[in-house]
Amino acid sequence: MTTLASPVALSAFAQYYALTKPRVIQLIVFCALIGMVLAVPGVPSWREVGVAAVACLGIWLVAGAAAAFNCIIEKSIDAKMKRTAWRPTAKGELGDRQTLLFSATLCALGSALLYFAVNPLTMWLTFATFIGYAVIYTVILKPLTPQNIVIGGASGAMPPVLGWAAMAGNVGPEAIILFLIIFLWTPPHFWALALYRVEDYRKSGLPMLPVTHGNAFTQLMVLLYTFILLAACLLPFIYGMSSWLYLVVAVLLNAGFILHAWWLWRDYSDLLARKTFRFSLIHLSLLFAALLIDHYV
């Protein structure tokens, strides 16, 4: 018996793994973990560490299931866009039946894990997030309105709420604040991407804001949302969730985001749109990392 997997097996694994959109899932689990940590006063016990680990796995599985289901619905759209044409469903390497079975299996495993090993509230909130992203956003909102990112952003903002519920067994005001930050972060983050991918979206037929309202209007919306986001990012300090350490980091990060958005509005270029998109990822990661560090300092 050989100890090495065959190239075919490795290729199949890579195809199914790609369906889960690993980079997106990593950010989802990271945000959920922040919610878990902030829900526990002081240093967590080993039991709480175990619950958090199981919750992360369960959330990863259900989020991966939603991503795979999204690949089925959008396979024809993905095939028209350079950014997504490589996906196994878009290339026809994996069929709808295979992908649907994979998605259902991940969702069932993740839901069972959350229900029996964490708590029912976390399972139901996670399953509702699955429905919100895979059905309400992907099937209904995305092809219907240029405000799809704004409305559908509610699903993407749920991870810290899921994490909080996993550890606290409830959804407190702190979890709502974390939700609000990601909810308001999503439009400027995604519209920056849509600006330099506008031709892809035009070919796909999706009513993204740069396609329906033009680049100039979208650039202005990115700028305005960064100011609203700044207000939301101050809430953890105002509510007493964090100290001056977080406040300083939050102000600096939001100043950087506003500056990028200002440059983008005043003198647009695809290069600057890419830089703004990349900075938005840095912004959210460092913002939540600052909350995490502040929690223990």
Protein backbone atom coordinates (compact mmCIF):
# COMPACT_ATOMS: atom_id res chain seq x y z
CA MET A 1 0.00 0.00 0.00
CA THR A 2 1.41 3.36 -0.97
CA THR A 3 1.50 6.20 1.58
CA LEU A 4 1.22 8.89 -1.04
CA ALA A 5 -2.07 10.13 -2.45
CA SER A 6 -2.41 9.90 -6.20
CA PRO A 7 -2.31 13.07 -8.31
CA VAL A 8 -5.99 12.48 -9.13
CA ALA A 9 -6.91 12.38 -5.41
CA LEU A 10 -4.87 15.47 -4.71
CA SER A 11 -6.54 17.25 -7.61
CA ALA A 12 -10.01 16.26 -6.39
CA PHE A 13 -9.22 17.45 -2.87
CA ALA A 14 -7.94 20.77 -4.20
CA GLN A 15 -11.12 21.22 -6.26
CA TYR A 16 -13.46 20.64 -3.32
CA TYR A 17 -11.29 22.76 -1.05
CA ALA A 18 -11.44 25.62 -3.56
CA LEU A 19 -15.25 25.53 -3.39
CA THR A 20 -15.07 26.65 0.26
CA LYS A 21 -13.32 29.92 -0.70
CA PRO A 22 -10.54 29.43 1.90
CA ARG A 23 -9.35 33.05 2.10
CA VAL A 24 -12.84 34.33 2.79
CA ILE A 25 -13.46 31.56 5.34
CA GLN A 26 -10.23 32.40 7.18
CA LEU A 27 -11.44 35.97 7.74
CA ILE A 28 -14.88 34.70 8.82
CA VAL A 29 -13.41 32.34 11.41
CA PHE A 30 -10.98 35.01 12.62
CA CYS A 31 -13.86 37.46 13.21
CA ALA A 32 -15.87 34.73 14.94
CA LEU A 33 -12.89 33.96 17.17
CA ILE A 34 -12.68 37.62 18.18
CA GLY A 35 -16.32 37.47 19.24
CA MET A 36 -15.56 34.35 21.30
CA VAL A 37 -12.59 35.89 23.06
CA LEU A 38 -14.39 39.15 23.87
CA ALA A 39 -17.35 37.22 25.29
CA VAL A 40 -15.13 35.63 27.95
CA PRO A 41 -13.95 37.92 30.78
CA GLY A 42 -10.26 37.43 31.47
CA VAL A 43 -8.26 34.38 30.41
CA PRO A 44 -10.46 31.53 29.15
CA SER A 45 -10.43 28.15 30.91
CA TRP A 46 -9.35 25.01 29.10
CA ARG A 47 -13.02 24.04 28.78
CA GLU A 48 -13.78 27.38 27.12
CA VAL A 49 -10.79 26.94 24.81
CA GLY A 50 -12.21 23.56 23.79
CA VAL A 51 -15.66 25.02 23.12
CA ALA A 52 -14.11 27.81 21.07
CA ALA A 53 -12.11 25.32 18.97
CA VAL A 54 -15.21 23.24 18.25
CA ALA A 55 -17.24 26.36 17.47
CA CYS A 56 -14.58 27.56 15.01
CA LEU A 57 -14.67 24.20 13.25
CA GLY A 58 -18.47 24.19 13.10
CA ILE A 59 -18.62 27.73 11.76
CA TRP A 60 -15.90 26.89 9.21
CA LEU A 61 -17.90 23.91 7.97
CA VAL A 62 -21.19 25.80 7.57
CA ALA A 63 -19.47 28.83 6.01
CA GLY A 64 -17.69 26.48 3.59
CA ALA A 65 -21.05 24.92 2.73
CA ALA A 66 -22.50 28.35 1.94
CA ALA A 67 -19.51 29.18 -0.26
CA ALA A 68 -19.87 25.89 -2.17
CA PHE A 69 -23.60 26.48 -2.69
CA ASN A 70 -22.77 29.97 -3.96
CA CYS A 71 -20.45 28.38 -6.54
CA ILE A 72 -23.35 26.35 -7.93
CA ILE A 73 -25.68 29.33 -8.28
CA GLU A 74 -23.05 31.60 -9.81
CA LYS A 75 -21.14 29.15 -12.00
CA SER A 76 -22.24 30.81 -15.26
CA ILE A 77 -21.42 34.27 -13.86
CA ASP A 78 -18.08 33.05 -12.49
CA ALA A 79 -17.15 31.69 -15.91
CA LYS A 80 -17.42 35.21 -17.39
CA MET A 81 -15.17 36.87 -14.81
CA LYS A 82 -11.37 36.62 -14.71
CA ARG A 83 -11.39 36.72 -10.90
CA THR A 84 -13.59 33.62 -10.62
CA ALA A 85 -13.26 31.73 -13.93
CA TRP A 86 -10.79 29.29 -12.33
CA ARG A 87 -13.36 27.86 -9.90
CA PRO A 88 -14.08 24.13 -10.45
CA THR A 89 -17.81 24.73 -10.98
CA ALA A 90 -17.15 27.51 -13.50
CA LYS A 91 -14.72 25.27 -15.43
CA GLY A 92 -17.09 22.30 -15.32
CA GLU A 93 -14.67 20.17 -13.30
CA LEU A 94 -17.30 19.59 -10.61
CA GLY A 95 -20.98 19.14 -11.43
CA ASP A 96 -23.99 20.57 -9.59
CA ARG A 97 -24.85 17.25 -7.95
CA GLN A 98 -21.34 16.74 -6.59
CA THR A 99 -21.12 20.30 -5.32
CA LEU A 100 -24.60 20.24 -3.78
CA LEU A 101 -23.83 16.98 -1.95
CA PHE A 102 -20.55 18.44 -0.70
CA SER A 103 -22.33 21.60 0.50
CA ALA A 104 -25.11 19.65 2.24
CA THR A 105 -22.58 17.38 3.96
CA LEU A 106 -20.53 20.29 5.28
CA CYS A 107 -23.66 22.11 6.45
CA ALA A 108 -25.06 19.02 8.22
CA LEU A 109 -21.75 18.23 9.94
CA GLY A 110 -21.17 21.82 11.01
CA SER A 111 -24.73 22.27 12.26
CA ALA A 112 -24.65 19.04 14.26
CA LEU A 113 -21.32 20.00 15.79
CA LEU A 114 -22.59 23.43 16.83
CA TYR A 115 -25.91 22.11 18.16
CA PHE A 116 -24.58 19.26 20.29
CA ALA A 117 -21.08 20.47 21.23
CA VAL A 118 -21.64 24.25 21.53
CA ASN A 119 -25.27 25.36 21.92
CA PRO A 120 -28.49 25.45 19.85
CA LEU A 121 -28.49 29.26 19.60
CA THR A 122 -25.14 29.27 17.79
CA MET A 123 -26.31 26.53 15.44
CA TRP A 124 -29.51 28.38 14.50
CA LEU A 125 -27.75 31.71 14.05
CA THR A 126 -25.10 30.04 11.87
CA PHE A 127 -27.74 28.23 9.81
CA ALA A 128 -29.65 31.52 9.40
CA THR A 129 -26.42 33.09 8.16
CA PHE A 130 -26.08 30.23 5.65
CA ILE A 131 -29.61 30.96 4.34
CA GLY A 132 -28.94 34.70 4.33
CA TYR A 133 -25.80 34.37 2.21
CA ALA A 134 -26.53 31.36 0.01
CA VAL A 135 -30.19 32.10 -0.73
CA ILE A 136 -31.28 35.66 0.16
CA TYR A 137 -28.06 37.36 -1.02
CA THR A 138 -26.84 35.06 -3.81
CA VAL A 139 -30.17 34.04 -5.35
CA ILE A 140 -32.37 37.10 -4.70
CA LEU A 141 -30.45 40.29 -3.91
CA LYS A 142 -27.26 40.03 -5.96
CA PRO A 143 -28.91 39.87 -9.39
CA LEU A 144 -31.73 42.25 -8.39
CA THR A 145 -30.31 45.47 -6.92
CA PRO A 146 -27.05 47.48 -6.89
CA GLN A 147 -27.56 47.73 -3.12
CA ASN A 148 -26.97 43.97 -2.86
CA ILE A 149 -23.72 44.46 -0.97
CA VAL A 150 -25.32 46.81 1.57
CA ILE A 151 -28.29 44.56 2.33
CA GLY A 152 -26.48 41.26 1.90
CA GLY A 153 -23.65 42.53 4.10
CA ALA A 154 -25.72 41.47 7.11
CA SER A 155 -24.74 37.84 6.51
CA GLY A 156 -21.06 38.71 6.22
CA ALA A 157 -21.24 40.70 9.46
CA MET A 158 -22.54 37.77 11.52
CA PRO A 159 -19.27 35.91 12.46
CA PRO A 160 -18.50 37.86 15.67
CA VAL A 161 -22.16 37.43 16.71
CA LEU A 162 -21.81 33.68 16.18
CA GLY A 163 -18.62 33.66 18.21
CA TRP A 164 -20.20 35.64 21.03
CA ALA A 165 -23.24 33.34 21.12
CA ALA A 166 -20.97 30.27 21.22
CA MET A 167 -19.30 31.40 24.43
CA ALA A 168 -21.98 33.49 26.16
CA GLY A 169 -25.10 31.66 25.04
CA ASN A 170 -26.72 34.97 24.12
CA VAL A 171 -26.31 37.96 21.80
CA GLY A 172 -25.31 41.01 23.85
CA PRO A 173 -24.90 44.66 22.85
CA GLU A 174 -21.16 44.07 22.39
CA ALA A 175 -21.89 41.49 19.69
CA ILE A 176 -24.23 43.94 17.93
CA ILE A 177 -21.45 46.56 17.91
CA LEU A 178 -19.05 44.10 16.28
CA PHE A 179 -21.76 43.21 13.77
CA LEU A 180 -22.29 46.89 12.95
CA ILE A 181 -18.57 47.47 12.29
CA ILE A 182 -18.36 44.69 9.71
CA PHE A 183 -21.75 45.60 8.22
CA LEU A 184 -20.55 49.16 7.51
CA TRP A 185 -17.07 48.01 6.45
CA THR A 186 -18.42 45.71 3.72
CA PRO A 187 -19.70 48.29 1.16
CA PRO A 188 -16.48 50.38 0.83
CA HIS A 189 -14.42 47.18 0.90
CA PHE A 190 -16.38 45.46 -1.88
CA TRP A 191 -17.08 48.55 -3.99
CA ALA A 192 -13.34 49.24 -4.15
CA LEU A 193 -12.99 45.78 -5.71
CA ALA A 194 -15.97 46.35 -8.01
CA LEU A 195 -14.43 49.59 -9.30
CA TYR A 196 -11.39 47.94 -10.84
CA ARG A 197 -13.37 44.83 -11.83
CA VAL A 198 -16.23 46.81 -13.36
CA GLU A 199 -15.87 45.30 -16.85
CA ASP A 200 -16.08 41.79 -15.39
CA TYR A 201 -19.30 42.70 -13.62
CA ARG A 202 -20.65 44.38 -16.74
CA LYS A 203 -20.07 41.18 -18.74
CA SER A 204 -21.64 39.09 -15.98
CA GLY A 205 -24.85 41.12 -16.06
CA LEU A 206 -24.84 41.72 -12.30
CA PRO A 207 -26.17 45.17 -11.30
CA MET A 208 -23.14 46.21 -9.27
CA LEU A 209 -23.01 49.88 -8.28
CA PRO A 210 -20.21 50.93 -10.72
CA VAL A 211 -22.18 49.32 -13.55
CA THR A 212 -25.56 50.88 -12.74
CA HIS A 213 -24.47 54.27 -11.34
CA GLY A 214 -20.95 54.76 -12.73
CA ASN A 215 -17.51 54.99 -11.17
CA ALA A 216 -17.81 58.57 -9.92
CA PHE A 217 -20.92 57.84 -7.85
CA THR A 218 -19.37 54.63 -6.48
CA GLN A 219 -16.17 56.47 -5.50
CA LEU A 220 -18.27 59.00 -3.57
CA MET A 221 -20.17 56.20 -1.81
CA VAL A 222 -16.89 54.55 -0.78
CA LEU A 223 -15.74 57.84 0.75
CA LEU A 224 -19.02 58.49 2.59
CA TYR A 225 -19.14 54.97 4.00
CA THR A 226 -15.63 55.30 5.44
CA PHE A 227 -16.84 58.25 7.53
CA ILE A 228 -19.83 56.26 8.78
CA LEU A 229 -17.50 53.33 9.48
CA LEU A 230 -15.30 55.59 11.61
CA ALA A 231 -18.28 56.36 13.86
CA ALA A 232 -19.05 52.65 14.24
CA CYS A 233 -15.43 51.82 15.04
CA LEU A 234 -15.51 54.27 17.96
CA LEU A 235 -18.41 52.43 19.61
CA PRO A 236 -16.32 49.77 21.39
CA PHE A 237 -14.48 52.54 23.27
CA ILE A 238 -17.63 54.58 23.89
CA TYR A 239 -19.53 51.54 25.21
CA GLY A 240 -16.64 50.51 27.46
CA MET A 241 -15.59 47.36 25.59
CA SER A 242 -12.07 48.68 25.08
CA SER A 243 -9.53 51.18 26.37
CA TRP A 244 -7.36 53.90 24.83
CA LEU A 245 -5.13 51.32 23.13
CA TYR A 246 -7.94 50.22 20.83
CA LEU A 247 -9.11 53.80 20.33
CA VAL A 248 -5.72 54.95 19.05
CA VAL A 249 -5.45 52.01 16.64
CA ALA A 250 -9.04 52.48 15.45
CA VAL A 251 -8.55 56.19 14.76
CA LEU A 252 -5.32 55.57 12.84
CA LEU A 253 -6.75 52.72 10.78
CA ASN A 254 -9.90 54.63 9.91
CA ALA A 255 -7.86 57.72 9.03
CA GLY A 256 -5.91 55.53 6.61
CA PHE A 257 -9.11 54.11 5.10
CA ILE A 258 -10.63 57.61 4.72
CA LEU A 259 -7.41 58.86 3.12
CA HIS A 260 -7.42 56.01 0.59
CA ALA A 261 -11.10 56.70 -0.17
CA TRP A 262 -10.37 60.43 -0.56
CA TRP A 263 -7.57 59.77 -3.05
CA LEU A 264 -9.84 57.33 -4.89
CA TRP A 265 -12.59 59.96 -5.12
CA ARG A 266 -10.30 62.81 -6.21
CA ASP A 267 -8.09 61.02 -8.72
CA TYR A 268 -9.31 57.55 -9.67
CA SER A 269 -7.08 54.79 -11.01
CA ASP A 270 -7.41 51.01 -11.00
CA LEU A 271 -4.14 50.81 -9.08
CA LEU A 272 -5.51 53.03 -6.33
CA ALA A 273 -8.75 51.02 -6.22
CA ARG A 274 -6.67 47.86 -5.70
CA LYS A 275 -4.69 49.57 -2.93
CA THR A 276 -7.93 50.69 -1.26
CA PHE A 277 -9.34 47.16 -1.43
CA ARG A 278 -6.16 45.67 0.05
CA PHE A 279 -6.03 48.31 2.77
CA SER A 280 -9.63 47.49 3.73
CA LEU A 281 -8.54 43.93 4.49
CA ILE A 282 -5.65 45.20 6.60
CA HIS A 283 -8.02 47.65 8.31
CA LEU A 284 -10.48 44.99 9.51
CA SER A 285 -7.80 42.48 10.51
CA LEU A 286 -5.77 44.97 12.55
CA LEU A 287 -8.89 46.56 14.04
CA PHE A 288 -10.08 43.24 15.44
CA ALA A 289 -6.56 42.28 16.46
CA ALA A 290 -6.39 45.55 18.43
CA LEU A 291 -9.66 44.63 20.17
CA LEU A 292 -8.17 41.25 21.03
CA ILE A 293 -4.94 42.69 22.45
CA ASP A 294 -6.80 45.43 24.30
CA HIS A 295 -8.98 42.78 25.94
CA TYR A 296 -5.97 41.28 27.73
CA VAL A 297 -3.81 44.39 28.35
